[in-house]
Amino acid sequence: MALNLSRIKAERIACGKTQKEIAREMGLTRSAYAKRENGLVSIGADELEQISQVLEIPKEKMYIFFTDNVPKRERQLI
């Protein structure tokens, strides 16, 4: 199953949050967060949970970030 990085970005934008705001709440720099959102650095399970909390997405709905049908350049295997 692949992590859909585009969905993470879309949910962030839909919540009206910037990369800087998400990064601050996660204890990261904006650059470090951007690398994760853009697939340059892997997002771990703990970080995905943090992102979900910041975006106010309940744990039961974290499945929205996973899919089997994501273009290769936009996925990260978990």
PDB file of N, CA and C in Angstrom:
ATOM      1  N   MET A   1       0.851  -1.169   0.000  1.00  0.00           N
ATOM      2  CA  MET A   1       0.000   0.000   0.000  1.00  0.00           C
ATOM      3  C   MET A   1       0.902   1.239   0.000  1.00  0.00           C
ATOM      4  N   ALA A   2       0.508   2.248  -0.718  1.00  0.00           N
ATOM      5  CA  ALA A   2       1.329   3.452  -0.878  1.00  0.00           C
ATOM      6  C   ALA A   2       0.711   4.643  -0.151  1.00  0.00           C
ATOM      7  N   LEU A   3       1.578   5.496   0.319  1.00  0.00           N
ATOM      8  CA  LEU A   3       1.162   6.744   0.949  1.00  0.00           C
ATOM      9  C   LEU A   3       0.992   7.781  -0.156  1.00  0.00           C
ATOM     10  N   ASN A   4      -0.183   8.379  -0.227  1.00  0.00           N
ATOM     11  CA  ASN A   4      -0.497   9.352  -1.261  1.00  0.00           C
ATOM     12  C   ASN A   4      -0.094  10.745  -0.773  1.00  0.00           C
ATOM     13  N   LEU A   5       1.084  11.179  -1.204  1.00  0.00           N
ATOM     14  CA  LEU A   5       1.618  12.471  -0.763  1.00  0.00           C
ATOM     15  C   LEU A   5       0.787  13.639  -1.268  1.00  0.00           C
ATOM     16  N   SER A   6       0.189  13.498  -2.436  1.00  0.00           N
ATOM     17  CA  SER A   6      -0.676  14.561  -2.971  1.00  0.00           C
ATOM     18  C   SER A   6      -1.894  14.778  -2.085  1.00  0.00           C
ATOM     19  N   ARG A   7      -2.380  13.702  -1.502  1.00  0.00           N
ATOM     20  CA  ARG A   7      -3.553  13.812  -0.621  1.00  0.00           C
ATOM     21  C   ARG A   7      -3.192  14.555   0.659  1.00  0.00           C
ATOM     22  N   ILE A   8      -1.977  14.307   1.164  1.00  0.00           N
ATOM     23  CA  ILE A   8      -1.529  15.031   2.358  1.00  0.00           C
ATOM     24  C   ILE A   8      -1.489  16.524   2.063  1.00  0.00           C
ATOM     25  N   LYS A   9      -0.920  16.878   0.925  1.00  0.00           N
ATOM     26  CA  LYS A   9      -0.843  18.288   0.542  1.00  0.00           C
ATOM     27  C   LYS A   9      -2.241  18.884   0.353  1.00  0.00           C
ATOM     28  N   ALA A  10      -3.115  18.139  -0.310  1.00  0.00           N
ATOM     29  CA  ALA A  10      -4.480  18.623  -0.562  1.00  0.00           C
ATOM     30  C   ALA A  10      -5.232  18.852   0.747  1.00  0.00           C
ATOM     31  N   GLU A  11      -5.079  17.937   1.701  1.00  0.00           N
ATOM     32  CA  GLU A  11      -5.754  18.091   2.998  1.00  0.00           C
ATOM     33  C   GLU A  11      -5.190  19.288   3.757  1.00  0.00           C
ATOM     34  N   ARG A  12      -3.871  19.496   3.663  1.00  0.00           N
ATOM     35  CA  ARG A  12      -3.256  20.650   4.323  1.00  0.00           C
ATOM     36  C   ARG A  12      -3.826  21.948   3.761  1.00  0.00           C
ATOM     37  N   ILE A  13      -3.895  22.028   2.448  1.00  0.00           N
ATOM     38  CA  ILE A  13      -4.410  23.231   1.791  1.00  0.00           C
ATOM     39  C   ILE A  13      -5.892  23.429   2.125  1.00  0.00           C
ATOM     40  N   ALA A  14      -6.652  22.340   2.116  1.00  0.00           N
ATOM     41  CA  ALA A  14      -8.080  22.425   2.436  1.00  0.00           C
ATOM     42  C   ALA A  14      -8.312  22.933   3.857  1.00  0.00           C
ATOM     43  N   CYS A  15      -7.384  22.632   4.754  1.00  0.00           N
ATOM     44  CA  CYS A  15      -7.483  23.103   6.144  1.00  0.00           C
ATOM     45  C   CYS A  15      -6.974  24.529   6.297  1.00  0.00           C
ATOM     46  N   GLY A  16      -6.439  25.081   5.210  1.00  0.00           N
ATOM     47  CA  GLY A  16      -5.944  26.451   5.253  1.00  0.00           C
ATOM     48  C   GLY A  16      -4.624  26.600   5.989  1.00  0.00           C
ATOM     49  N   LYS A  17      -3.854  25.525   6.055  1.00  0.00           N
ATOM     50  CA  LYS A  17      -2.581  25.565   6.770  1.00  0.00           C
ATOM     51  C   LYS A  17      -1.417  25.617   5.783  1.00  0.00           C
ATOM     52  N   THR A  18      -0.370  26.296   6.196  1.00  0.00           N
ATOM     53  CA  THR A  18       0.844  26.361   5.385  1.00  0.00           C
ATOM     54  C   THR A  18       1.801  25.244   5.825  1.00  0.00           C
ATOM     55  N   GLN A  19       2.800  25.004   5.005  1.00  0.00           N
ATOM     56  CA  GLN A  19       3.826  24.030   5.388  1.00  0.00           C
ATOM     57  C   GLN A  19       4.505  24.488   6.679  1.00  0.00           C
ATOM     58  N   LYS A  20       4.721  25.771   6.810  1.00  0.00           N
ATOM     59  CA  LYS A  20       5.378  26.319   7.997  1.00  0.00           C
ATOM     60  C   LYS A  20       4.565  26.035   9.260  1.00  0.00           C
ATOM     61  N   GLU A  21       3.242  26.181   9.182  1.00  0.00           N
ATOM     62  CA  GLU A  21       2.387  25.929  10.337  1.00  0.00           C
ATOM     63  C   GLU A  21       2.411  24.454  10.738  1.00  0.00           C
ATOM     64  N   ILE A  22       2.314  23.577   9.739  1.00  0.00           N
ATOM     65  CA  ILE A  22       2.356  22.138  10.028  1.00  0.00           C
ATOM     66  C   ILE A  22       3.704  21.782  10.642  1.00  0.00           C
ATOM     67  N   ALA A  23       4.775  22.287  10.020  1.00  0.00           N
ATOM     68  CA  ALA A  23       6.130  22.002  10.501  1.00  0.00           C
ATOM     69  C   ALA A  23       6.303  22.437  11.952  1.00  0.00           C
ATOM     70  N   ARG A  24       5.852  23.636  12.273  1.00  0.00           N
ATOM     71  CA  ARG A  24       5.996  24.163  13.636  1.00  0.00           C
ATOM     72  C   ARG A  24       5.302  23.250  14.637  1.00  0.00           C
ATOM     73  N   GLU A  25       4.091  22.803  14.309  1.00  0.00           N
ATOM     74  CA  GLU A  25       3.337  21.941  15.220  1.00  0.00           C
ATOM     75  C   GLU A  25       3.965  20.558  15.354  1.00  0.00           C
ATOM     76  N   MET A  26       4.762  20.159  14.358  1.00  0.00           N
ATOM     77  CA  MET A  26       5.445  18.862  14.402  1.00  0.00           C
ATOM     78  C   MET A  26       6.851  18.980  14.986  1.00  0.00           C
ATOM     79  N   GLY A  27       7.311  20.205  15.224  1.00  0.00           N
ATOM     80  CA  GLY A  27       8.657  20.398  15.734  1.00  0.00           C
ATOM     81  C   GLY A  27       9.725  20.287  14.653  1.00  0.00           C
ATOM     82  N   LEU A  28       9.337  20.592  13.405  1.00  0.00           N
ATOM     83  CA  LEU A  28      10.252  20.541  12.267  1.00  0.00           C
ATOM     84  C   LEU A  28      10.422  21.936  11.678  1.00  0.00           C
ATOM     85  N   THR A  29      11.431  22.096  10.838  1.00  0.00           N
ATOM     86  CA  THR A  29      11.536  23.321  10.051  1.00  0.00           C
ATOM     87  C   THR A  29      10.601  23.183   8.859  1.00  0.00           C
ATOM     88  N   ARG A  30      10.273  24.302   8.213  1.00  0.00           N
ATOM     89  CA  ARG A  30       9.428  24.237   7.025  1.00  0.00           C
ATOM     90  C   ARG A  30      10.102  23.399   5.953  1.00  0.00           C
ATOM     91  N   SER A  31      11.400  23.562   5.805  1.00  0.00           N
ATOM     92  CA  SER A  31      12.155  22.814   4.803  1.00  0.00           C
ATOM     93  C   SER A  31      12.097  21.303   5.064  1.00  0.00           C
ATOM     94  N   ALA A  32      12.248  20.905   6.313  1.00  0.00           N
ATOM     95  CA  ALA A  32      12.197  19.484   6.660  1.00  0.00           C
ATOM     96  C   ALA A  32      10.811  18.911   6.373  1.00  0.00           C
ATOM     97  N   TYR A  33       9.767  19.676   6.691  1.00  0.00           N
ATOM     98  CA  TYR A  33       8.412  19.209   6.401  1.00  0.00           C
ATOM     99  C   TYR A  33       8.186  19.130   4.894  1.00  0.00           C
ATOM    100  N   ALA A  34       8.619  20.145   4.163  1.00  0.00           N
ATOM    101  CA  ALA A  34       8.434  20.171   2.706  1.00  0.00           C
ATOM    102  C   ALA A  34       9.087  18.955   2.053  1.00  0.00           C
ATOM    103  N   LYS A  35      10.242  18.554   2.560  1.00  0.00           N
ATOM    104  CA  LYS A  35      10.920  17.371   2.008  1.00  0.00           C
ATOM    105  C   LYS A  35      10.072  16.124   2.200  1.00  0.00           C
ATOM    106  N   ARG A  36       9.375  16.050   3.296  1.00  0.00           N
ATOM    107  CA  ARG A  36       8.489  14.901   3.539  1.00  0.00           C
ATOM    108  C   ARG A  36       7.270  14.965   2.624  1.00  0.00           C
ATOM    109  N   GLU A  37       6.655  16.126   2.538  1.00  0.00           N
ATOM    110  CA  GLU A  37       5.453  16.277   1.712  1.00  0.00           C
ATOM    111  C   GLU A  37       5.755  16.042   0.233  1.00  0.00           C
ATOM    112  N   ASN A  38       6.985  16.337  -0.163  1.00  0.00           N
ATOM    113  CA  ASN A  38       7.379  16.164  -1.567  1.00  0.00           C
ATOM    114  C   ASN A  38       8.051  14.819  -1.845  1.00  0.00           C
ATOM    115  N   GLY A  39       8.128  13.954  -0.838  1.00  0.00           N
ATOM    116  CA  GLY A  39       8.641  12.615  -1.047  1.00  0.00           C
ATOM    117  C   GLY A  39      10.152  12.482  -1.047  1.00  0.00           C
ATOM    118  N   LEU A  40      10.867  13.522  -0.664  1.00  0.00           N
ATOM    119  CA  LEU A  40      12.331  13.450  -0.627  1.00  0.00           C
ATOM    120  C   LEU A  40      12.821  12.760   0.641  1.00  0.00           C
ATOM    121  N   VAL A  41      12.001  12.801   1.690  1.00  0.00           N
ATOM    122  CA  VAL A  41      12.286  12.127   2.948  1.00  0.00           C
ATOM    123  C   VAL A  41      11.036  11.315   3.303  1.00  0.00           C
ATOM    124  N   SER A  42      11.238  10.086   3.746  1.00  0.00           N
ATOM    125  CA  SER A  42      10.104   9.223   4.096  1.00  0.00           C
ATOM    126  C   SER A  42       9.340   9.760   5.296  1.00  0.00           C
ATOM    127  N   ILE A  43       8.036   9.546   5.274  1.00  0.00           N
ATOM    128  CA  ILE A  43       7.174   9.899   6.400  1.00  0.00           C
ATOM    129  C   ILE A  43       6.934   8.618   7.184  1.00  0.00           C
ATOM    130  N   GLY A  44       7.335   8.638   8.442  1.00  0.00           N
ATOM    131  CA  GLY A  44       7.119   7.478   9.307  1.00  0.00           C
ATOM    132  C   GLY A  44       5.694   7.453   9.839  1.00  0.00           C
ATOM    133  N   ALA A  45       5.340   6.342  10.454  1.00  0.00           N
ATOM    134  CA  ALA A  45       3.995   6.189  11.003  1.00  0.00           C
ATOM    135  C   ALA A  45       3.702   7.246  12.063  1.00  0.00           C
ATOM    136  N   ASP A  46       4.685   7.528  12.917  1.00  0.00           N
ATOM    137  CA  ASP A  46       4.481   8.541  13.959  1.00  0.00           C
ATOM    138  C   ASP A  46       4.265   9.920  13.356  1.00  0.00           C
ATOM    139  N   GLU A  47       5.029  10.219  12.307  1.00  0.00           N
ATOM    140  CA  GLU A  47       4.877  11.526  11.659  1.00  0.00           C
ATOM    141  C   GLU A  47       3.539  11.632  10.943  1.00  0.00           C
ATOM    142  N   LEU A  48       3.102  10.553  10.331  1.00  0.00           N
ATOM    143  CA  LEU A  48       1.793  10.577   9.671  1.00  0.00           C
ATOM    144  C   LEU A  48       0.697  10.810  10.703  1.00  0.00           C
ATOM    145  N   GLU A  49       0.846  10.204  11.861  1.00  0.00           N
ATOM    146  CA  GLU A  49      -0.131  10.421  12.929  1.00  0.00           C
ATOM    147  C   GLU A  49      -0.109  11.884  13.382  1.00  0.00           C
ATOM    148  N   GLN A  50       1.084  12.471  13.488  1.00  0.00           N
ATOM    149  CA  GLN A  50       1.192  13.893  13.863  1.00  0.00           C
ATOM    150  C   GLN A  50       0.514  14.778  12.825  1.00  0.00           C
ATOM    151  N   ILE A  51       0.769  14.498  11.545  1.00  0.00           N
ATOM    152  CA  ILE A  51       0.156  15.280  10.467  1.00  0.00           C
ATOM    153  C   ILE A  51      -1.358  15.187  10.565  1.00  0.00           C
ATOM    154  N   SER A  52      -1.861  13.979  10.785  1.00  0.00           N
ATOM    155  CA  SER A  52      -3.308  13.778  10.909  1.00  0.00           C
ATOM    156  C   SER A  52      -3.877  14.584  12.064  1.00  0.00           C
ATOM    157  N   GLN A  53      -3.168  14.605  13.185  1.00  0.00           N
ATOM    158  CA  GLN A  53      -3.640  15.355  14.346  1.00  0.00           C
ATOM    159  C   GLN A  53      -3.678  16.850  14.054  1.00  0.00           C
ATOM    160  N   VAL A  54      -2.632  17.355  13.411  1.00  0.00           N
ATOM    161  CA  VAL A  54      -2.568  18.787  13.085  1.00  0.00           C
ATOM    162  C   VAL A  54      -3.702  19.150  12.128  1.00  0.00           C
ATOM    163  N   LEU A  55      -4.011  18.241  11.190  1.00  0.00           N
ATOM    164  CA  LEU A  55      -5.081  18.488  10.216  1.00  0.00           C
ATOM    165  C   LEU A  55      -6.457  18.112  10.758  1.00  0.00           C
ATOM    166  N   GLU A  56      -6.478  17.670  12.023  1.00  0.00           N
ATOM    167  CA  GLU A  56      -7.717  17.275  12.699  1.00  0.00           C
ATOM    168  C   GLU A  56      -8.440  16.146  11.979  1.00  0.00           C
ATOM    169  N   ILE A  57      -7.665  15.187  11.521  1.00  0.00           N
ATOM    170  CA  ILE A  57      -8.206  13.988  10.878  1.00  0.00           C
ATOM    171  C   ILE A  57      -8.104  12.860  11.893  1.00  0.00           C
ATOM    172  N   PRO A  58      -9.237  12.277  12.296  1.00  0.00           N
ATOM    173  CA  PRO A  58      -9.213  11.209  13.299  1.00  0.00           C
ATOM    174  C   PRO A  58      -8.407   9.995  12.810  1.00  0.00           C
ATOM    175  N   LYS A  59      -7.840   9.255  13.750  1.00  0.00           N
ATOM    176  CA  LYS A  59      -7.048   8.064  13.414  1.00  0.00           C
ATOM    177  C   LYS A  59      -7.838   7.096  12.537  1.00  0.00           C
ATOM    178  N   GLU A  60      -9.127   6.975  12.823  1.00  0.00           N
ATOM    179  CA  GLU A  60      -9.956   6.037  12.050  1.00  0.00           C
ATOM    180  C   GLU A  60     -10.069   6.430  10.573  1.00  0.00           C
ATOM    181  N   LYS A  61      -9.765   7.673  10.246  1.00  0.00           N
ATOM    182  CA  LYS A  61      -9.889   8.145   8.872  1.00  0.00           C
ATOM    183  C   LYS A  61      -8.537   8.336   8.189  1.00  0.00           C
ATOM    184  N   MET A  62      -7.470   7.894   8.842  1.00  0.00           N
ATOM    185  CA  MET A  62      -6.142   8.050   8.250  1.00  0.00           C
ATOM    186  C   MET A  62      -5.990   7.249   6.957  1.00  0.00           C
ATOM    187  N   TYR A  63      -6.901   6.319   6.717  1.00  0.00           N
ATOM    188  CA  TYR A  63      -6.857   5.536   5.478  1.00  0.00           C
ATOM    189  C   TYR A  63      -6.939   6.421   4.241  1.00  0.00           C
ATOM    190  N   ILE A  64      -7.432   7.645   4.379  1.00  0.00           N
ATOM    191  CA  ILE A  64      -7.545   8.530   3.213  1.00  0.00           C
ATOM    192  C   ILE A  64      -6.185   8.841   2.606  1.00  0.00           C
ATOM    193  N   PHE A  65      -5.123   8.654   3.391  1.00  0.00           N
ATOM    194  CA  PHE A  65      -3.772   8.939   2.892  1.00  0.00           C
ATOM    195  C   PHE A  65      -3.142   7.745   2.176  1.00  0.00           C
ATOM    196  N   PHE A  66      -3.841   6.627   2.126  1.00  0.00           N
ATOM    197  CA  PHE A  66      -3.302   5.424   1.496  1.00  0.00           C
ATOM    198  C   PHE A  66      -4.123   5.029   0.281  1.00  0.00           C
ATOM    199  N   THR A  67      -3.437   4.486  -0.692  1.00  0.00           N
ATOM    200  CA  THR A  67      -4.115   4.003  -1.881  1.00  0.00           C
ATOM    201  C   THR A  67      -3.206   3.033  -2.617  1.00  0.00           C
ATOM    202  N   ASP A  68      -3.795   2.235  -3.461  1.00  0.00           N
ATOM    203  CA  ASP A  68      -3.027   1.325  -4.302  1.00  0.00           C
ATOM    204  C   ASP A  68      -2.792   1.924  -5.675  1.00  0.00           C
ATOM    205  N   ASN A  69      -3.427   3.068  -5.947  1.00  0.00           N
ATOM    206  CA  ASN A  69      -3.411   3.630  -7.294  1.00  0.00           C
ATOM    207  C   ASN A  69      -2.868   5.060  -7.278  1.00  0.00           C
ATOM    208  N   VAL A  70      -1.574   5.198  -7.001  1.00  0.00           N
ATOM    209  CA  VAL A  70      -0.924   6.504  -6.954  1.00  0.00           C
ATOM    210  C   VAL A  70       0.209   6.501  -7.976  1.00  0.00           C
ATOM    211  N   PRO A  71       0.329   7.557  -8.792  1.00  0.00           N
ATOM    212  CA  PRO A  71       1.459   7.608  -9.726  1.00  0.00           C
ATOM    213  C   PRO A  71       2.777   7.457  -8.966  1.00  0.00           C
ATOM    214  N   LYS A  72       3.738   6.786  -9.572  1.00  0.00           N
ATOM    215  CA  LYS A  72       5.010   6.474  -8.915  1.00  0.00           C
ATOM    216  C   LYS A  72       5.687   7.690  -8.284  1.00  0.00           C
ATOM    217  N   ARG A  73       5.663   8.816  -8.974  1.00  0.00           N
ATOM    218  CA  ARG A  73       6.354  10.007  -8.462  1.00  0.00           C
ATOM    219  C   ARG A  73       5.671  10.601  -7.243  1.00  0.00           C
ATOM    220  N   GLU A  74       4.443  10.182  -6.946  1.00  0.00           N
ATOM    221  CA  GLU A  74       3.685  10.751  -5.830  1.00  0.00           C
ATOM    222  C   GLU A  74       3.469   9.762  -4.700  1.00  0.00           C
ATOM    223  N   ARG A  75       4.203   8.655  -4.691  1.00  0.00           N
ATOM    224  CA  ARG A  75       3.952   7.669  -3.649  1.00  0.00           C
ATOM    225  C   ARG A  75       5.182   7.374  -2.822  1.00  0.00           C
ATOM    226  N   GLN A  76       4.897   6.858  -1.683  1.00  0.00           N
ATOM    227  CA  GLN A  76       5.935   6.420  -0.770  1.00  0.00           C
ATOM    228  C   GLN A  76       5.414   5.137  -0.139  1.00  0.00           C
ATOM    229  N   LEU A  77       6.161   4.069  -0.256  1.00  0.00           N
ATOM    230  CA  LEU A  77       5.719   2.808   0.314  1.00  0.00           C
ATOM    231  C   LEU A  77       5.921   2.816   1.814  1.00  0.00           C
ATOM    232  N   ILE A  78       4.930   2.307   2.505  1.00  0.00           N
ATOM    233  CA  ILE A  78       4.990   2.229   3.971  1.00  0.00           C
ATOM    234  C   ILE A  78       5.352   0.815   4.355  1.00  0.00           C
TER     235      ILE A  78
END
